[in-house]
Amino acid sequence: MVSPQDLERLASLAGYDRMLTIDAVARANGVTPADVERALNAHLGGGSVAAPPEQAPSDAIPDVPAPPTPADRLDLSQYRYGYDPTADAKNRRAQVNQAIRCPTCGSALGIPDVRPIKVTCPACAATHTFTD
């Protein structure tokens, strides 16, 4: 039903990654995620695959990872982070004397004392105007 290679891969994962991979393996093999979990438990414990797991009490809370925060959901692959060696960039860095957090994603931003100042976050591309 589930290949030994898939079971080894599942055994090396934990938490949310394991849950996603169990779902993918179940869809690929045409079985339910519960069947894959039983096979994995048998693989990890050395038991038989046919033994169904005991039902957990309905008031028990499963170990479910927290949902991702807005910053975790950002696709940062389109942004380039790098060192800018130009003289203009050196002058801008010399003027930085305050650090603030981007209200959208929480990234640290260095800004000068000039107010009002319009800042575009390099992490999420959100633009904010700071007045104080």
N, C-alpha and C. Protein backbone atom coordinates (compact mmCIF):
# COMPACT_ATOMS: atom_id res chain seq x y z
N MET A 1 0.82 -1.19 0.00
CA MET A 1 0.00 0.00 0.00
C MET A 1 0.87 1.26 0.00
N VAL A 2 1.83 1.39 0.93
CA VAL A 2 2.74 2.54 0.97
C VAL A 2 4.15 1.99 0.88
N SER A 3 4.96 2.56 0.00
CA SER A 3 6.30 2.04 -0.23
C SER A 3 7.20 2.30 0.98
N PRO A 4 8.21 1.45 1.16
CA PRO A 4 9.16 1.66 2.26
C PRO A 4 9.90 2.99 2.15
N GLN A 5 10.15 3.44 0.93
CA GLN A 5 10.82 4.73 0.75
C GLN A 5 9.95 5.87 1.27
N ASP A 6 8.64 5.80 1.00
CA ASP A 6 7.73 6.83 1.51
C ASP A 6 7.67 6.79 3.03
N LEU A 7 7.65 5.58 3.60
CA LEU A 7 7.61 5.46 5.05
C LEU A 7 8.88 6.03 5.69
N GLU A 8 10.03 5.78 5.08
CA GLU A 8 11.29 6.34 5.60
C GLU A 8 11.27 7.87 5.53
N ARG A 9 10.76 8.40 4.42
CA ARG A 9 10.68 9.85 4.27
C ARG A 9 9.73 10.44 5.31
N LEU A 10 8.59 9.79 5.52
CA LEU A 10 7.64 10.26 6.53
C LEU A 10 8.23 10.18 7.94
N ALA A 11 9.01 9.14 8.20
CA ALA A 11 9.62 8.99 9.52
C ALA A 11 10.62 10.10 9.81
N SER A 12 11.23 10.65 8.77
CA SER A 12 12.22 11.72 8.97
C SER A 12 11.57 13.09 9.15
N LEU A 13 10.26 13.20 8.91
CA LEU A 13 9.57 14.47 9.04
C LEU A 13 8.83 14.54 10.36
N ALA A 14 8.41 15.78 10.70
CA ALA A 14 7.64 15.96 11.94
C ALA A 14 6.67 17.10 11.74
N GLY A 15 5.62 17.10 12.55
CA GLY A 15 4.68 18.21 12.60
C GLY A 15 3.91 18.42 11.31
N TYR A 16 3.85 19.68 10.92
CA TYR A 16 3.06 20.08 9.77
C TYR A 16 3.60 19.49 8.48
N ASP A 17 4.94 19.40 8.36
CA ASP A 17 5.54 18.81 7.16
C ASP A 17 5.11 17.35 7.00
N ARG A 18 5.09 16.62 8.12
CA ARG A 18 4.67 15.21 8.06
C ARG A 18 3.20 15.12 7.65
N MET A 19 2.37 16.00 8.21
CA MET A 19 0.95 15.96 7.90
C MET A 19 0.70 16.21 6.41
N LEU A 20 1.41 17.20 5.85
CA LEU A 20 1.26 17.49 4.41
C LEU A 20 1.74 16.32 3.56
N THR A 21 2.86 15.73 3.95
CA THR A 21 3.41 14.63 3.17
C THR A 21 2.52 13.39 3.28
N ILE A 22 1.93 13.14 4.44
CA ILE A 22 1.00 12.02 4.60
C ILE A 22 -0.17 12.20 3.63
N ASP A 23 -0.69 13.41 3.56
CA ASP A 23 -1.80 13.69 2.64
C ASP A 23 -1.39 13.44 1.19
N ALA A 24 -0.19 13.89 0.82
CA ALA A 24 0.28 13.71 -0.56
C ALA A 24 0.49 12.23 -0.88
N VAL A 25 1.08 11.49 0.05
CA VAL A 25 1.31 10.05 -0.17
C VAL A 25 -0.02 9.32 -0.26
N ALA A 26 -0.99 9.72 0.57
CA ALA A 26 -2.31 9.07 0.52
C ALA A 26 -2.97 9.29 -0.84
N ARG A 27 -2.90 10.52 -1.35
CA ARG A 27 -3.51 10.80 -2.67
C ARG A 27 -2.78 10.04 -3.77
N ALA A 28 -1.45 9.95 -3.67
CA ALA A 28 -0.68 9.27 -4.71
C ALA A 28 -0.95 7.77 -4.73
N ASN A 29 -1.23 7.18 -3.57
CA ASN A 29 -1.46 5.74 -3.49
C ASN A 29 -2.94 5.36 -3.49
N GLY A 30 -3.81 6.36 -3.49
CA GLY A 30 -5.24 6.07 -3.53
C GLY A 30 -5.78 5.49 -2.23
N VAL A 31 -5.20 5.89 -1.10
CA VAL A 31 -5.66 5.43 0.21
C VAL A 31 -5.99 6.64 1.07
N THR A 32 -6.53 6.40 2.24
CA THR A 32 -6.85 7.52 3.13
C THR A 32 -5.62 7.90 3.95
N PRO A 33 -5.56 9.15 4.42
CA PRO A 33 -4.44 9.55 5.29
C PRO A 33 -4.36 8.70 6.56
N ALA A 34 -5.50 8.23 7.06
CA ALA A 34 -5.49 7.37 8.25
C ALA A 34 -4.76 6.06 7.96
N ASP A 35 -4.93 5.51 6.74
CA ASP A 35 -4.23 4.29 6.37
C ASP A 35 -2.72 4.52 6.32
N VAL A 36 -2.32 5.67 5.80
CA VAL A 36 -0.89 5.99 5.73
C VAL A 36 -0.33 6.16 7.14
N GLU A 37 -1.10 6.79 8.03
CA GLU A 37 -0.64 6.96 9.41
C GLU A 37 -0.51 5.61 10.12
N ARG A 38 -1.45 4.71 9.88
CA ARG A 38 -1.35 3.37 10.47
C ARG A 38 -0.10 2.66 9.96
N ALA A 39 0.18 2.78 8.65
CA ALA A 39 1.37 2.15 8.09
C ALA A 39 2.63 2.78 8.68
N LEU A 40 2.62 4.09 8.87
CA LEU A 40 3.78 4.77 9.45
C LEU A 40 3.98 4.35 10.90
N ASN A 41 2.89 4.29 11.66
CA ASN A 41 3.00 3.86 13.06
C ASN A 41 3.52 2.44 13.14
N ALA A 42 3.06 1.57 12.25
CA ALA A 42 3.55 0.20 12.22
C ALA A 42 5.03 0.17 11.84
N HIS A 43 5.42 1.03 10.91
CA HIS A 43 6.82 1.10 10.50
C HIS A 43 7.70 1.60 11.64
N LEU A 44 7.23 2.60 12.36
CA LEU A 44 8.01 3.17 13.46
C LEU A 44 8.05 2.24 14.67
N GLY A 45 6.91 1.57 14.93
CA GLY A 45 6.84 0.71 16.10
C GLY A 45 7.16 -0.74 15.81
N GLY A 46 7.24 -1.09 14.55
CA GLY A 46 7.53 -2.47 14.18
C GLY A 46 6.33 -3.39 14.28
N GLY A 47 5.13 -2.83 14.47
CA GLY A 47 3.91 -3.63 14.58
C GLY A 47 3.35 -3.97 13.21
N SER A 48 2.18 -4.59 13.22
CA SER A 48 1.56 -4.94 11.95
C SER A 48 0.73 -3.77 11.43
N VAL A 49 0.57 -3.72 10.13
CA VAL A 49 -0.17 -2.64 9.49
C VAL A 49 -1.67 -2.80 9.69
N ALA A 50 -2.17 -4.03 9.86
CA ALA A 50 -3.60 -4.27 9.88
C ALA A 50 -4.28 -3.82 11.18
N ALA A 51 -3.51 -3.59 12.24
CA ALA A 51 -4.12 -3.22 13.52
C ALA A 51 -4.59 -1.77 13.47
N PRO A 52 -5.92 -1.55 13.64
CA PRO A 52 -6.41 -0.17 13.63
C PRO A 52 -6.04 0.54 14.92
N PRO A 53 -5.77 1.82 14.88
CA PRO A 53 -5.41 2.56 16.09
C PRO A 53 -6.65 2.76 16.96
N GLU A 54 -6.42 2.90 18.27
CA GLU A 54 -7.51 3.17 19.17
C GLU A 54 -8.00 4.59 18.94
N GLN A 55 -9.30 4.79 19.09
CA GLN A 55 -9.87 6.11 18.90
C GLN A 55 -9.52 6.97 20.10
N ALA A 56 -9.08 8.19 19.84
CA ALA A 56 -8.79 9.14 20.91
C ALA A 56 -10.10 9.68 21.45
N PRO A 57 -10.16 10.03 22.73
CA PRO A 57 -11.38 10.63 23.26
C PRO A 57 -11.74 11.89 22.48
N SER A 58 -13.04 12.14 22.35
CA SER A 58 -13.48 13.26 21.54
C SER A 58 -13.07 14.60 22.12
N ASP A 59 -12.77 14.64 23.45
CA ASP A 59 -12.36 15.92 24.03
C ASP A 59 -10.86 16.14 23.96
N ALA A 60 -10.11 15.17 23.46
CA ALA A 60 -8.66 15.33 23.33
C ALA A 60 -8.35 16.24 22.16
N ILE A 61 -7.40 17.12 22.36
CA ILE A 61 -6.99 18.05 21.31
C ILE A 61 -5.76 17.47 20.63
N PRO A 62 -5.81 17.25 19.33
CA PRO A 62 -4.64 16.70 18.62
C PRO A 62 -3.51 17.73 18.57
N ASP A 63 -2.31 17.24 18.39
CA ASP A 63 -1.15 18.11 18.30
C ASP A 63 -1.12 18.73 16.91
N VAL A 64 -1.78 19.87 16.77
CA VAL A 64 -1.89 20.55 15.48
C VAL A 64 -1.02 21.80 15.53
N PRO A 65 -0.17 22.01 14.55
CA PRO A 65 0.67 23.21 14.55
C PRO A 65 -0.17 24.47 14.37
N ALA A 66 0.36 25.57 14.85
CA ALA A 66 -0.33 26.85 14.73
C ALA A 66 -0.42 27.26 13.26
N PRO A 67 -1.47 27.96 12.88
CA PRO A 67 -1.56 28.42 11.50
C PRO A 67 -0.46 29.43 11.21
N PRO A 68 -0.06 29.56 9.96
CA PRO A 68 1.01 30.49 9.64
C PRO A 68 0.58 31.93 9.87
N THR A 69 1.54 32.74 10.27
CA THR A 69 1.28 34.16 10.46
C THR A 69 1.31 34.84 9.09
N PRO A 70 0.82 36.07 8.98
CA PRO A 70 0.86 36.76 7.68
C PRO A 70 2.28 36.84 7.11
N ALA A 71 3.29 37.01 7.98
CA ALA A 71 4.66 37.08 7.49
C ALA A 71 5.13 35.75 6.92
N ASP A 72 4.62 34.62 7.45
CA ASP A 72 4.99 33.30 6.94
C ASP A 72 4.38 33.04 5.57
N ARG A 73 3.27 33.70 5.27
CA ARG A 73 2.58 33.46 4.01
C ARG A 73 3.12 34.31 2.86
N LEU A 74 4.06 35.21 3.13
CA LEU A 74 4.58 36.06 2.07
C LEU A 74 5.47 35.27 1.12
N ASP A 75 5.33 35.49 -0.15
CA ASP A 75 6.21 34.89 -1.14
C ASP A 75 7.33 35.89 -1.38
N LEU A 76 8.48 35.64 -0.78
CA LEU A 76 9.59 36.58 -0.87
C LEU A 76 10.52 36.30 -2.05
N SER A 77 10.18 35.34 -2.90
CA SER A 77 11.07 34.98 -3.99
C SER A 77 11.21 36.08 -5.03
N GLN A 78 10.25 37.00 -5.10
CA GLN A 78 10.30 38.05 -6.11
C GLN A 78 11.14 39.25 -5.69
N TYR A 79 11.59 39.28 -4.42
CA TYR A 79 12.36 40.41 -3.93
C TYR A 79 13.83 40.05 -3.89
N ARG A 80 14.64 41.04 -4.17
CA ARG A 80 16.08 40.84 -4.15
C ARG A 80 16.65 41.57 -2.95
N TYR A 81 17.36 40.83 -2.12
CA TYR A 81 18.06 41.44 -1.00
C TYR A 81 19.54 41.39 -1.34
N GLY A 82 20.18 42.49 -1.23
CA GLY A 82 21.59 42.49 -1.54
C GLY A 82 22.24 43.78 -1.10
N TYR A 83 23.51 43.76 -1.11
CA TYR A 83 24.29 44.90 -0.71
C TYR A 83 24.43 45.84 -1.89
N ASP A 84 24.13 47.11 -1.67
CA ASP A 84 24.25 48.13 -2.71
C ASP A 84 25.50 48.94 -2.42
N PRO A 85 26.59 48.75 -3.20
CA PRO A 85 27.86 49.43 -2.90
C PRO A 85 27.97 50.85 -3.45
N THR A 86 26.92 51.40 -4.03
CA THR A 86 27.03 52.72 -4.62
C THR A 86 27.19 53.80 -3.55
N ALA A 87 27.71 54.94 -3.96
CA ALA A 87 27.92 56.05 -3.03
C ALA A 87 26.58 56.57 -2.50
N ASP A 88 25.55 56.59 -3.33
CA ASP A 88 24.23 57.04 -2.89
C ASP A 88 23.70 56.14 -1.77
N ALA A 89 23.90 54.85 -1.90
CA ALA A 89 23.45 53.92 -0.86
C ALA A 89 24.25 54.13 0.42
N LYS A 90 25.53 54.40 0.30
CA LYS A 90 26.35 54.67 1.49
C LYS A 90 25.86 55.92 2.20
N ASN A 91 25.48 56.94 1.45
CA ASN A 91 24.95 58.16 2.06
C ASN A 91 23.62 57.88 2.77
N ARG A 92 22.75 57.10 2.15
CA ARG A 92 21.47 56.76 2.79
C ARG A 92 21.70 55.97 4.07
N ARG A 93 22.64 55.02 4.05
CA ARG A 93 22.93 54.23 5.25
C ARG A 93 23.51 55.10 6.35
N ALA A 94 24.27 56.12 6.00
CA ALA A 94 24.85 57.01 7.00
C ALA A 94 23.79 57.85 7.69
N GLN A 95 22.66 58.11 7.03
CA GLN A 95 21.58 58.91 7.61
C GLN A 95 20.67 58.10 8.52
N VAL A 96 20.78 56.79 8.49
CA VAL A 96 19.90 55.94 9.30
C VAL A 96 20.28 56.06 10.77
N ASN A 97 19.31 56.45 11.60
CA ASN A 97 19.57 56.52 13.03
C ASN A 97 18.38 56.04 13.86
N GLN A 98 17.35 55.50 13.20
CA GLN A 98 16.21 54.94 13.91
C GLN A 98 15.85 53.60 13.27
N ALA A 99 15.30 52.74 14.09
CA ALA A 99 14.82 51.46 13.58
C ALA A 99 13.35 51.33 13.94
N ILE A 100 12.55 50.94 12.97
CA ILE A 100 11.13 50.71 13.18
C ILE A 100 10.77 49.36 12.59
N ARG A 101 9.59 48.87 12.89
CA ARG A 101 9.10 47.63 12.31
C ARG A 101 8.04 47.96 11.28
N CYS A 102 8.07 47.25 10.17
CA CYS A 102 7.06 47.41 9.13
C CYS A 102 5.72 47.00 9.73
N PRO A 103 4.69 47.86 9.66
CA PRO A 103 3.38 47.50 10.20
C PRO A 103 2.74 46.31 9.50
N THR A 104 3.14 46.02 8.28
CA THR A 104 2.54 44.93 7.52
C THR A 104 3.18 43.58 7.83
N CYS A 105 4.50 43.50 7.77
CA CYS A 105 5.15 42.20 7.92
C CYS A 105 6.07 42.10 9.13
N GLY A 106 6.37 43.21 9.79
CA GLY A 106 7.20 43.17 10.98
C GLY A 106 8.68 43.19 10.73
N SER A 107 9.12 43.41 9.50
CA SER A 107 10.55 43.47 9.21
C SER A 107 11.14 44.75 9.78
N ALA A 108 12.40 44.66 10.19
CA ALA A 108 13.08 45.84 10.73
C ALA A 108 13.47 46.77 9.59
N LEU A 109 13.21 48.05 9.77
CA LEU A 109 13.54 49.06 8.78
C LEU A 109 14.37 50.14 9.45
N GLY A 110 15.43 50.56 8.81
CA GLY A 110 16.23 51.67 9.29
C GLY A 110 15.84 52.93 8.55
N ILE A 111 15.54 54.02 9.30
CA ILE A 111 15.10 55.26 8.68
C ILE A 111 15.82 56.45 9.31
N PRO A 112 15.91 57.56 8.60
CA PRO A 112 16.49 58.78 9.17
C PRO A 112 15.46 59.53 10.01
N ASP A 113 15.87 60.67 10.60
CA ASP A 113 14.99 61.48 11.44
C ASP A 113 13.97 62.29 10.65
N VAL A 114 14.09 62.38 9.36
CA VAL A 114 13.23 63.22 8.54
C VAL A 114 11.77 62.78 8.67
N ARG A 115 10.86 63.75 8.93
CA ARG A 115 9.43 63.46 9.01
C ARG A 115 8.66 64.51 8.25
N PRO A 116 7.60 64.18 7.61
CA PRO A 116 7.11 62.83 7.32
C PRO A 116 8.03 62.14 6.33
N ILE A 117 8.04 60.82 6.43
CA ILE A 117 8.88 60.02 5.54
C ILE A 117 8.05 58.86 5.00
N LYS A 118 8.17 58.64 3.72
CA LYS A 118 7.47 57.55 3.04
C LYS A 118 8.48 56.43 2.83
N VAL A 119 8.16 55.24 3.37
CA VAL A 119 9.09 54.11 3.35
C VAL A 119 8.42 52.93 2.65
N THR A 120 9.15 52.32 1.74
CA THR A 120 8.69 51.09 1.10
C THR A 120 9.50 49.94 1.70
N CYS A 121 8.81 48.99 2.31
CA CYS A 121 9.47 47.86 2.95
C CYS A 121 10.09 46.95 1.88
N PRO A 122 11.38 46.61 2.02
CA PRO A 122 12.00 45.72 1.04
C PRO A 122 11.53 44.28 1.16
N ALA A 123 10.94 43.91 2.30
CA ALA A 123 10.50 42.52 2.49
C ALA A 123 9.14 42.25 1.89
N CYS A 124 8.19 43.21 2.05
CA CYS A 124 6.82 42.93 1.58
C CYS A 124 6.33 43.96 0.56
N ALA A 125 7.12 44.96 0.26
CA ALA A 125 6.81 46.00 -0.73
C ALA A 125 5.63 46.88 -0.33
N ALA A 126 5.27 46.88 0.95
CA ALA A 126 4.19 47.77 1.42
C ALA A 126 4.79 49.16 1.64
N THR A 127 4.02 50.18 1.32
CA THR A 127 4.48 51.56 1.47
C THR A 127 3.71 52.20 2.63
N HIS A 128 4.47 52.82 3.54
CA HIS A 128 3.88 53.47 4.70
C HIS A 128 4.50 54.86 4.86
N THR A 129 3.71 55.81 5.38
CA THR A 129 4.19 57.14 5.67
C THR A 129 4.23 57.30 7.18
N PHE A 130 5.40 57.66 7.71
CA PHE A 130 5.58 57.86 9.13
C PHE A 130 5.69 59.35 9.42
N THR A 131 4.89 59.82 10.38
CA THR A 131 4.87 61.25 10.69
C THR A 131 5.50 61.57 12.04
N ASP A 132 5.66 60.57 12.90
CA ASP A 132 6.30 60.86 14.18
C ASP A 132 7.29 59.83 14.57
